[in-house]
Amino acid sequence: MAEELGAAIGLVWGHIGAMQHEEAHALASACLELWPGEKNLLLLAGYAATELGMSADMAALRRAFGAQPCLELISRRQPA
């Protein structure tokens, strides 16, 4: 299962790198159904969501990462 998870994270990251945030968010959200709470997928889904003007689940991200600086970017980009 670790290989599949690594491939999934790589695919989501590839969509983000290609500025395909809708695809990244859709894929990350679907992957989170297979791997609930997986912190890398949570982070990528949160980033993609904010790029689409959607809210990220900051509570879940803070539970997974604590007070990491990477969450500040997502938090600042949250819609009003």
C-alpha atoms as a PDB file:
ATOM      1  CA  MET A   1       0.000   0.000   0.000  1.00  0.00           C
ATOM      2  CA  ALA A   2       2.933   2.361   0.577  1.00  0.00           C
ATOM      3  CA  GLU A   3       3.770   2.316  -3.141  1.00  0.00           C
ATOM      4  CA  GLU A   4       0.219   3.250  -4.094  1.00  0.00           C
ATOM      5  CA  LEU A   5       0.157   6.062  -1.547  1.00  0.00           C
ATOM      6  CA  GLY A   6       3.469   7.398  -2.821  1.00  0.00           C
ATOM      7  CA  ALA A   7       2.191   7.303  -6.392  1.00  0.00           C
ATOM      8  CA  ALA A   8      -1.021   9.085  -5.379  1.00  0.00           C
ATOM      9  CA  ILE A   9       0.887  11.848  -3.582  1.00  0.00           C
ATOM     10  CA  GLY A  10       3.159  12.221  -6.608  1.00  0.00           C
ATOM     11  CA  LEU A  11       0.191  12.542  -8.953  1.00  0.00           C
ATOM     12  CA  VAL A  12      -1.459  15.184  -6.778  1.00  0.00           C
ATOM     13  CA  TRP A  13       1.840  17.063  -6.517  1.00  0.00           C
ATOM     14  CA  GLY A  14       2.216  16.871 -10.298  1.00  0.00           C
ATOM     15  CA  HIS A  15      -1.199  18.460 -10.799  1.00  0.00           C
ATOM     16  CA  ILE A  16      -0.295  21.246  -8.381  1.00  0.00           C
ATOM     17  CA  GLY A  17       3.020  21.803 -10.143  1.00  0.00           C
ATOM     18  CA  ALA A  18       1.174  22.048 -13.454  1.00  0.00           C
ATOM     19  CA  MET A  19      -1.256  24.575 -11.929  1.00  0.00           C
ATOM     20  CA  GLN A  20      -4.108  22.062 -12.338  1.00  0.00           C
ATOM     21  CA  HIS A  21      -5.645  22.802  -8.968  1.00  0.00           C
ATOM     22  CA  GLU A  22      -9.101  21.409  -9.747  1.00  0.00           C
ATOM     23  CA  GLU A  23      -7.627  18.044 -10.688  1.00  0.00           C
ATOM     24  CA  ALA A  24      -5.286  18.128  -7.693  1.00  0.00           C
ATOM     25  CA  HIS A  25      -8.136  18.829  -5.300  1.00  0.00           C
ATOM     26  CA  ALA A  26     -10.383  16.164  -6.806  1.00  0.00           C
ATOM     27  CA  LEU A  27      -7.641  13.537  -6.717  1.00  0.00           C
ATOM     28  CA  ALA A  28      -6.477  14.430  -3.201  1.00  0.00           C
ATOM     29  CA  SER A  29     -10.060  14.340  -1.926  1.00  0.00           C
ATOM     30  CA  ALA A  30     -10.657  10.931  -3.499  1.00  0.00           C
ATOM     31  CA  CYS A  31      -7.368   9.628  -2.102  1.00  0.00           C
ATOM     32  CA  LEU A  32      -8.325  10.827   1.374  1.00  0.00           C
ATOM     33  CA  GLU A  33     -11.276   8.449   1.183  1.00  0.00           C
ATOM     34  CA  LEU A  34      -8.779   5.601   0.762  1.00  0.00           C
ATOM     35  CA  TRP A  35      -6.237   6.978   3.248  1.00  0.00           C
ATOM     36  CA  PRO A  36      -8.234   9.106   5.715  1.00  0.00           C
ATOM     37  CA  GLY A  37      -6.147  11.549   7.686  1.00  0.00           C
ATOM     38  CA  GLU A  38      -2.985  10.997   5.624  1.00  0.00           C
ATOM     39  CA  LYS A  39      -1.149  14.205   6.390  1.00  0.00           C
ATOM     40  CA  ASN A  40       0.568  14.746   3.034  1.00  0.00           C
ATOM     41  CA  LEU A  41      -2.722  14.359   1.186  1.00  0.00           C
ATOM     42  CA  LEU A  42      -4.414  16.673   3.702  1.00  0.00           C
ATOM     43  CA  LEU A  43      -1.797  19.338   3.054  1.00  0.00           C
ATOM     44  CA  LEU A  44      -2.007  19.039  -0.727  1.00  0.00           C
ATOM     45  CA  ALA A  45      -5.821  19.027  -0.660  1.00  0.00           C
ATOM     46  CA  GLY A  46      -5.804  22.111   1.558  1.00  0.00           C
ATOM     47  CA  TYR A  47      -3.410  23.963  -0.709  1.00  0.00           C
ATOM     48  CA  ALA A  48      -5.380  23.045  -3.835  1.00  0.00           C
ATOM     49  CA  ALA A  49      -8.628  24.098  -2.153  1.00  0.00           C
ATOM     50  CA  THR A  50      -7.305  27.548  -1.314  1.00  0.00           C
ATOM     51  CA  GLU A  51      -6.007  27.988  -4.853  1.00  0.00           C
ATOM     52  CA  LEU A  52      -9.575  27.341  -6.014  1.00  0.00           C
ATOM     53  CA  GLY A  53     -11.008  29.872  -3.553  1.00  0.00           C
ATOM     54  CA  MET A  54     -12.392  27.144  -1.309  1.00  0.00           C
ATOM     55  CA  SER A  55     -11.855  26.700   2.410  1.00  0.00           C
ATOM     56  CA  ALA A  56      -9.296  24.210   3.642  1.00  0.00           C
ATOM     57  CA  ASP A  57      -9.963  22.163   6.773  1.00  0.00           C
ATOM     58  CA  MET A  58      -7.553  24.079   8.989  1.00  0.00           C
ATOM     59  CA  ALA A  59      -8.560  22.121  12.093  1.00  0.00           C
ATOM     60  CA  ALA A  60      -7.566  18.828  10.444  1.00  0.00           C
ATOM     61  CA  LEU A  61      -4.349  20.369   9.135  1.00  0.00           C
ATOM     62  CA  ARG A  62      -3.410  21.703  12.575  1.00  0.00           C
ATOM     63  CA  ARG A  63      -4.121  18.304  14.144  1.00  0.00           C
ATOM     64  CA  ALA A  64      -1.868  16.655  11.561  1.00  0.00           C
ATOM     65  CA  PHE A  65       0.944  19.229  11.489  1.00  0.00           C
ATOM     66  CA  GLY A  66       0.729  21.314  14.645  1.00  0.00           C
ATOM     67  CA  ALA A  67       1.963  24.873  14.195  1.00  0.00           C
ATOM     68  CA  GLN A  68       4.071  24.371  11.077  1.00  0.00           C
ATOM     69  CA  PRO A  69       4.957  27.406   8.937  1.00  0.00           C
ATOM     70  CA  CYS A  70       3.561  25.689   5.831  1.00  0.00           C
ATOM     71  CA  LEU A  71       0.075  26.119   7.262  1.00  0.00           C
ATOM     72  CA  GLU A  72       0.434  29.899   7.368  1.00  0.00           C
ATOM     73  CA  LEU A  73       0.302  30.086   3.566  1.00  0.00           C
ATOM     74  CA  ILE A  74      -2.900  28.062   3.474  1.00  0.00           C
ATOM     75  CA  SER A  75      -4.393  30.020   6.361  1.00  0.00           C
ATOM     76  CA  ARG A  76      -3.630  33.385   4.722  1.00  0.00           C
ATOM     77  CA  ARG A  77      -5.252  32.279   1.474  1.00  0.00           C
ATOM     78  CA  GLN A  78      -8.506  31.125   3.093  1.00  0.00           C
ATOM     79  CA  PRO A  79     -11.560  32.842   1.598  1.00  0.00           C
ATOM     80  CA  ALA A  80     -13.195  35.494   3.748  1.00  0.00           C
END
